Amino acid sequence: MKINKAFTLLEVIISLGISAFIIFGVMRIYLNLQNIIDKTYLNSKYNKKVYIFLNQIEKDISTMLAIDAQDEIDKKQDNKKENKKDEKKDNKNYLKTVVYDIESFKYMVKKYELFKSLSFISTNSYEIYDEKNVKLVRVGYFLEKNKEKSVKDKIVYNLFRKETYDLNNVDFKSSDDFKDSKIRSFLIADNIKEFSIEYQLLKKEDKNKEINLFTWGQKDETKNLLPNYAFLVVSFWNDKLTESYFFTRLINIFSAQHFNETNKKEEKNMENGNKN
């Protein structure tokens, strides 16, 4: 009588256990790889959004100008009026920044005030002109609440960039007084959780000391002046509003006002050196 050999019950149990262990390990590896792929996709998605946003705002802020808007309008119209110059003499509105009242957030222990609006004159217009001509525009950034996406205590903001050829329209109000008063508005970034701009102004008498402010253009110490630096802090929500990601950028402001002050100081030092 021939006996057929087969696996015993113990051998079957051991083989099933080994197979289950291998399958479990493969599933863990697959899930980990899937999480890495998802995180990589999210990082590339937000990095692209942040790059476009920071690149645009850096071009604008770094090229802001300290000029009298009324003088530029008079030059265009070839009709200089002294009374208009006198009106703008006290505050030329080079830069105006406003923050939301009693709204702030913390980043790296430090407290930052929530940005609301920004207005300044720049040469970085969206429209392209003859290379030999420089087109001045007033640029504005406005942080507005997105009521559709905001949920309870999770507030979502959109950042809009506006520009107009009416250089005196500091608050970007609709008007027909100026022939090029049309305001163009563009959505620069969405899903913003928090956004702040801190300005740094180096004191003339002591370059090692600086003034740090979140608002600009309202106090006497900042009127008719431009800061040396602008430090941006922004955080973005993910699509599910469960996590947020912080990004920062330090922007140098290359204003002719700063270069003129530096040149005057160097000339003064040279004169003192020649006397000695």
Protein backbone atom coordinates (compact mmCIF):
# COMPACT_ATOMS: atom_id res chain seq x y z
CA MET A 1 0.00 0.00 0.00
CA LYS A 2 1.45 3.32 -1.11
CA ILE A 3 1.43 6.23 1.39
CA ASN A 4 1.07 9.82 -0.01
CA LYS A 5 3.29 12.35 1.78
CA ALA A 6 1.82 15.79 2.70
CA PHE A 7 2.46 18.78 4.97
CA THR A 8 1.58 18.36 8.55
CA LEU A 9 -0.76 20.81 10.30
CA LEU A 10 2.18 22.40 12.12
CA GLU A 11 4.06 22.99 8.88
CA VAL A 12 0.99 24.61 7.29
CA ILE A 13 0.58 26.95 10.26
CA ILE A 14 4.25 27.93 10.17
CA SER A 15 4.16 28.61 6.40
CA LEU A 16 0.99 30.74 6.76
CA GLY A 17 2.64 32.73 9.55
CA ILE A 18 5.76 33.38 7.47
CA SER A 19 3.65 34.37 4.45
CA ALA A 20 1.53 36.74 6.55
CA PHE A 21 4.69 38.33 8.00
CA ILE A 22 6.13 38.90 4.51
CA ILE A 23 2.84 40.32 3.17
CA PHE A 24 2.53 42.62 6.21
CA GLY A 25 6.10 43.86 5.66
CA VAL A 26 5.47 44.53 1.97
CA MET A 27 2.26 46.42 2.82
CA ARG A 28 4.13 48.58 5.36
CA ILE A 29 6.80 49.39 2.77
CA TYR A 30 4.10 50.24 0.21
CA LEU A 31 2.22 52.54 2.63
CA ASN A 32 5.45 54.30 3.64
CA LEU A 33 6.37 54.85 0.00
CA GLN A 34 2.86 56.17 -0.70
CA ASN A 35 3.16 58.63 2.21
CA ILE A 36 6.54 59.82 0.93
CA ILE A 37 5.10 60.30 -2.57
CA ASP A 38 2.13 62.26 -1.18
CA LYS A 39 4.37 64.49 0.96
CA THR A 40 6.72 65.07 -1.98
CA TYR A 41 3.76 66.07 -4.15
CA LEU A 42 2.43 68.46 -1.49
CA ASN A 43 5.88 69.99 -0.94
CA SER A 44 6.38 70.56 -4.68
CA LYS A 45 2.86 71.98 -4.95
CA TYR A 46 3.36 74.49 -2.12
CA ASN A 47 6.94 75.28 -3.10
CA LYS A 48 5.72 76.23 -6.57
CA LYS A 49 2.93 78.40 -5.15
CA VAL A 50 5.25 80.06 -2.65
CA TYR A 51 7.97 80.61 -5.25
CA ILE A 52 5.56 82.44 -7.57
CA PHE A 53 4.17 84.50 -4.69
CA LEU A 54 7.51 85.44 -3.09
CA ASN A 55 9.16 86.09 -6.46
CA GLN A 56 6.43 88.57 -7.45
CA ILE A 57 6.28 90.43 -4.14
CA GLU A 58 10.10 90.59 -3.92
CA LYS A 59 10.31 92.17 -7.39
CA ASP A 60 7.72 94.74 -6.37
CA ILE A 61 9.06 95.65 -2.93
CA SER A 62 12.73 95.69 -3.91
CA THR A 63 11.99 98.22 -6.67
CA MET A 64 9.76 100.61 -4.70
CA LEU A 65 10.59 104.27 -5.28
CA ALA A 66 10.83 107.32 -3.05
CA ILE A 67 9.38 109.93 -5.42
CA ASP A 68 6.74 112.62 -5.25
CA ALA A 69 3.72 111.19 -7.08
CA GLN A 70 2.32 114.64 -7.82
CA ASP A 71 5.57 115.73 -9.46
CA GLU A 72 5.40 112.75 -11.81
CA ILE A 73 1.80 113.52 -12.75
CA ASP A 74 2.67 117.16 -13.38
CA LYS A 75 5.52 116.12 -15.64
CA LYS A 76 3.16 113.99 -17.71
CA GLN A 77 0.56 116.71 -17.98
CA ASP A 78 3.23 119.42 -18.41
CA ASN A 79 1.25 121.53 -15.97
CA LYS A 80 3.10 122.06 -12.70
CA LYS A 81 0.99 123.67 -9.99
CA GLU A 82 2.68 124.89 -6.83
CA ASN A 83 -0.43 124.49 -4.69
CA LYS A 84 -0.57 120.75 -5.48
CA LYS A 85 3.08 120.40 -4.55
CA ASP A 86 2.44 122.10 -1.21
CA GLU A 87 -0.45 119.73 -0.48
CA LYS A 88 1.79 116.69 -0.94
CA LYS A 89 4.87 118.14 0.74
CA ASP A 90 4.05 116.97 4.28
CA ASN A 91 3.38 113.36 3.38
CA LYS A 92 4.45 112.03 0.00
CA ASN A 93 3.03 108.54 0.65
CA TYR A 94 6.11 106.68 -0.52
CA LEU A 95 4.95 103.63 1.38
CA LYS A 96 1.82 102.89 3.40
CA THR A 97 1.19 99.65 5.28
CA VAL A 98 -1.80 98.83 7.48
CA VAL A 99 -2.34 95.82 9.77
CA TYR A 100 -5.50 94.20 11.14
CA ASP A 101 -6.44 95.51 14.59
CA ILE A 102 -5.81 93.13 17.51
CA GLU A 103 -4.90 90.24 15.21
CA SER A 104 -1.50 88.62 15.50
CA PHE A 105 0.28 85.27 15.46
CA LYS A 106 3.52 83.74 16.69
CA TYR A 107 6.40 82.42 14.66
CA MET A 108 9.61 81.19 16.28
CA VAL A 109 8.43 82.60 19.64
CA LYS A 110 8.20 86.16 18.21
CA LYS A 111 4.85 87.90 17.83
CA TYR A 112 3.86 89.22 14.38
CA GLU A 113 0.96 91.51 13.48
CA LEU A 114 -1.39 90.31 10.73
CA PHE A 115 -0.87 92.23 7.48
CA LYS A 116 -3.87 94.00 5.90
CA SER A 117 -2.73 96.26 3.04
CA LEU A 118 0.34 97.74 1.38
CA SER A 119 0.69 100.61 -1.11
CA PHE A 120 3.76 102.04 -2.86
CA ILE A 121 5.14 103.29 -6.20
CA SER A 122 7.17 100.90 -8.33
CA THR A 123 8.55 100.40 -11.84
CA ASN A 124 7.57 96.71 -11.84
CA SER A 125 4.41 96.95 -13.95
CA TYR A 126 2.63 93.87 -15.30
CA GLU A 127 2.43 95.50 -18.72
CA ILE A 128 5.49 95.54 -20.98
CA TYR A 129 6.61 98.75 -22.68
CA ASP A 130 9.47 99.99 -24.79
CA GLU A 131 12.77 98.99 -23.17
CA LYS A 132 13.94 102.61 -23.14
CA ASN A 133 10.90 103.83 -21.20
CA VAL A 134 10.18 103.24 -17.52
CA LYS A 135 6.51 102.99 -16.58
CA LEU A 136 5.64 104.04 -13.04
CA VAL A 137 2.68 102.39 -11.33
CA ARG A 138 1.22 102.36 -7.83
CA VAL A 139 1.22 98.80 -6.54
CA GLY A 140 -0.94 97.52 -3.71
CA TYR A 141 -1.28 94.24 -1.83
CA PHE A 142 -4.49 93.44 0.03
CA LEU A 143 -5.13 90.46 2.34
CA GLU A 144 -8.83 89.58 2.29
CA LYS A 145 -10.77 86.87 4.12
CA ASN A 146 -12.08 83.99 2.00
CA LYS A 147 -15.55 83.48 3.52
CA GLU A 148 -16.29 80.38 1.43
CA LYS A 149 -13.24 78.39 2.61
CA SER A 150 -13.07 79.70 6.19
CA VAL A 151 -14.50 77.30 8.78
CA LYS A 152 -15.19 78.41 12.38
CA ASP A 153 -11.81 79.30 13.93
CA LYS A 154 -9.86 78.30 10.80
CA ILE A 155 -9.69 81.50 8.76
CA VAL A 156 -8.46 81.42 5.17
CA TYR A 157 -7.18 84.53 3.38
CA ASN A 158 -6.51 85.46 -0.25
CA LEU A 159 -3.82 87.94 -1.24
CA PHE A 160 -4.58 90.29 -4.14
CA ARG A 161 -2.13 92.45 -6.05
CA LYS A 162 -3.50 95.69 -7.49
CA GLU A 163 -1.91 98.35 -9.66
CA THR A 164 -2.94 101.65 -11.17
CA TYR A 165 -1.30 104.47 -13.13
CA ASP A 166 -2.88 106.98 -10.74
CA LEU A 167 0.16 107.38 -8.47
CA ASN A 168 -1.78 109.42 -5.90
CA ASN A 169 -4.44 106.73 -5.41
CA VAL A 170 -2.83 105.39 -2.24
CA ASP A 171 -5.91 103.49 -1.02
CA PHE A 172 -6.89 102.23 -4.50
CA LYS A 173 -10.31 103.85 -4.53
CA SER A 174 -12.35 103.91 -7.74
CA SER A 175 -12.19 107.32 -9.38
CA ASP A 176 -12.68 108.99 -12.76
CA ASP A 177 -10.56 112.05 -11.95
CA PHE A 178 -7.47 110.60 -13.61
CA LYS A 179 -7.56 109.34 -17.19
CA ASP A 180 -5.50 106.23 -16.31
CA SER A 181 -7.30 105.57 -13.02
CA LYS A 182 -8.31 102.00 -13.89
CA ILE A 183 -7.38 99.51 -11.15
CA ARG A 184 -6.18 96.08 -12.23
CA SER A 185 -6.52 93.31 -9.64
CA PHE A 186 -4.87 89.86 -9.61
CA LEU A 187 -5.02 86.96 -7.17
CA ILE A 188 -1.42 86.31 -6.09
CA ALA A 189 -1.92 83.60 -3.44
CA ASP A 190 -4.77 81.70 -1.80
CA ASN A 191 -5.17 79.37 1.20
CA ILE A 192 -3.14 81.79 3.35
CA LYS A 193 -3.38 81.26 7.10
CA GLU A 194 -1.14 84.08 8.34
CA PHE A 195 0.89 86.82 6.69
CA SER A 196 3.04 89.59 8.10
CA ILE A 197 5.61 92.12 6.89
CA GLU A 198 8.12 93.60 9.34
CA TYR A 199 10.07 96.64 8.13
CA GLN A 200 13.59 97.48 9.26
CA LEU A 201 15.05 100.97 9.05
CA LEU A 202 18.69 101.59 9.92
CA LYS A 203 19.18 104.83 11.84
CA LYS A 204 21.34 107.45 10.12
CA GLU A 205 23.30 108.31 13.24
CA ASP A 206 23.99 104.68 14.16
CA LYS A 207 23.81 101.97 11.49
CA ASN A 208 24.00 99.27 14.19
CA LYS A 209 20.63 100.38 15.57
CA GLU A 210 17.42 99.76 13.67
CA ILE A 211 13.70 100.51 13.87
CA ASN A 212 11.41 97.48 13.45
CA LEU A 213 7.78 98.21 12.57
CA PHE A 214 4.79 96.34 11.12
CA THR A 215 3.07 99.54 9.95
CA TRP A 216 4.57 102.28 7.79
CA GLY A 217 3.65 105.79 6.72
CA GLN A 218 1.49 106.75 9.69
CA LYS A 219 4.11 107.72 12.28
CA ASP A 220 6.39 110.74 11.88
CA GLU A 221 9.52 108.59 11.99
CA THR A 222 8.40 106.71 8.85
CA LYS A 223 6.83 109.50 6.79
CA ASN A 224 8.63 110.36 3.55
CA LEU A 225 11.05 107.49 4.16
CA LEU A 226 11.53 103.98 2.86
CA PRO A 227 12.79 101.08 5.01
CA ASN A 228 16.03 99.27 4.28
CA TYR A 229 14.60 95.78 4.58
CA ALA A 230 11.27 93.96 4.63
CA PHE A 231 10.97 90.59 6.41
CA LEU A 232 8.05 88.47 5.21
CA VAL A 233 6.45 85.65 7.20
CA VAL A 234 3.63 83.68 5.56
CA SER A 235 1.91 80.37 6.30
CA PHE A 236 -0.34 78.36 4.00
CA TRP A 237 -3.12 75.91 4.85
CA ASN A 238 -3.20 72.50 3.23
CA ASP A 239 -6.31 71.61 1.22
CA LYS A 240 -8.04 69.99 4.22
CA LEU A 241 -7.17 72.88 6.61
CA THR A 242 -5.50 70.42 9.00
CA GLU A 243 -1.89 71.60 8.70
CA SER A 244 -0.04 74.77 7.80
CA TYR A 245 3.43 75.47 6.40
CA PHE A 246 5.58 78.52 7.20
CA PHE A 247 7.83 80.36 4.73
CA THR A 248 10.00 83.45 5.22
CA ARG A 249 11.87 85.89 2.99
CA LEU A 250 14.15 88.87 3.72
CA ILE A 251 13.93 91.52 0.98
CA ASN A 252 16.49 94.29 0.42
CA ILE A 253 14.92 97.54 -0.75
CA PHE A 254 17.16 99.07 -3.42
CA SER A 255 15.85 102.63 -3.27
CA ALA A 256 17.66 105.62 -4.75
CA GLN A 257 16.88 107.34 -1.44
CA HIS A 258 19.22 104.94 0.37
CA PHE A 259 21.94 105.30 -2.27
CA ASN A 260 21.76 109.11 -2.09
CA GLU A 261 22.11 109.04 1.71
CA THR A 262 25.10 106.68 1.44
CA ASN A 263 26.76 108.85 -1.22
CA LYS A 264 26.27 111.99 0.85
CA LYS A 265 27.82 110.29 3.86
CA GLU A 266 30.80 109.08 1.79
CA GLU A 267 31.31 112.55 0.31
CA LYS A 268 31.22 114.06 3.79
CA ASN A 269 33.78 111.55 5.05
CA MET A 270 36.02 112.31 2.05
CA GLU A 271 35.77 116.05 2.72
CA ASN A 272 36.68 115.52 6.37
CA GLY A 273 39.58 113.29 5.29
CA ASN A 274 40.88 115.91 2.86
CA LYS A 275 40.74 118.61 5.54
CA ASN A 276 42.75 116.46 7.89
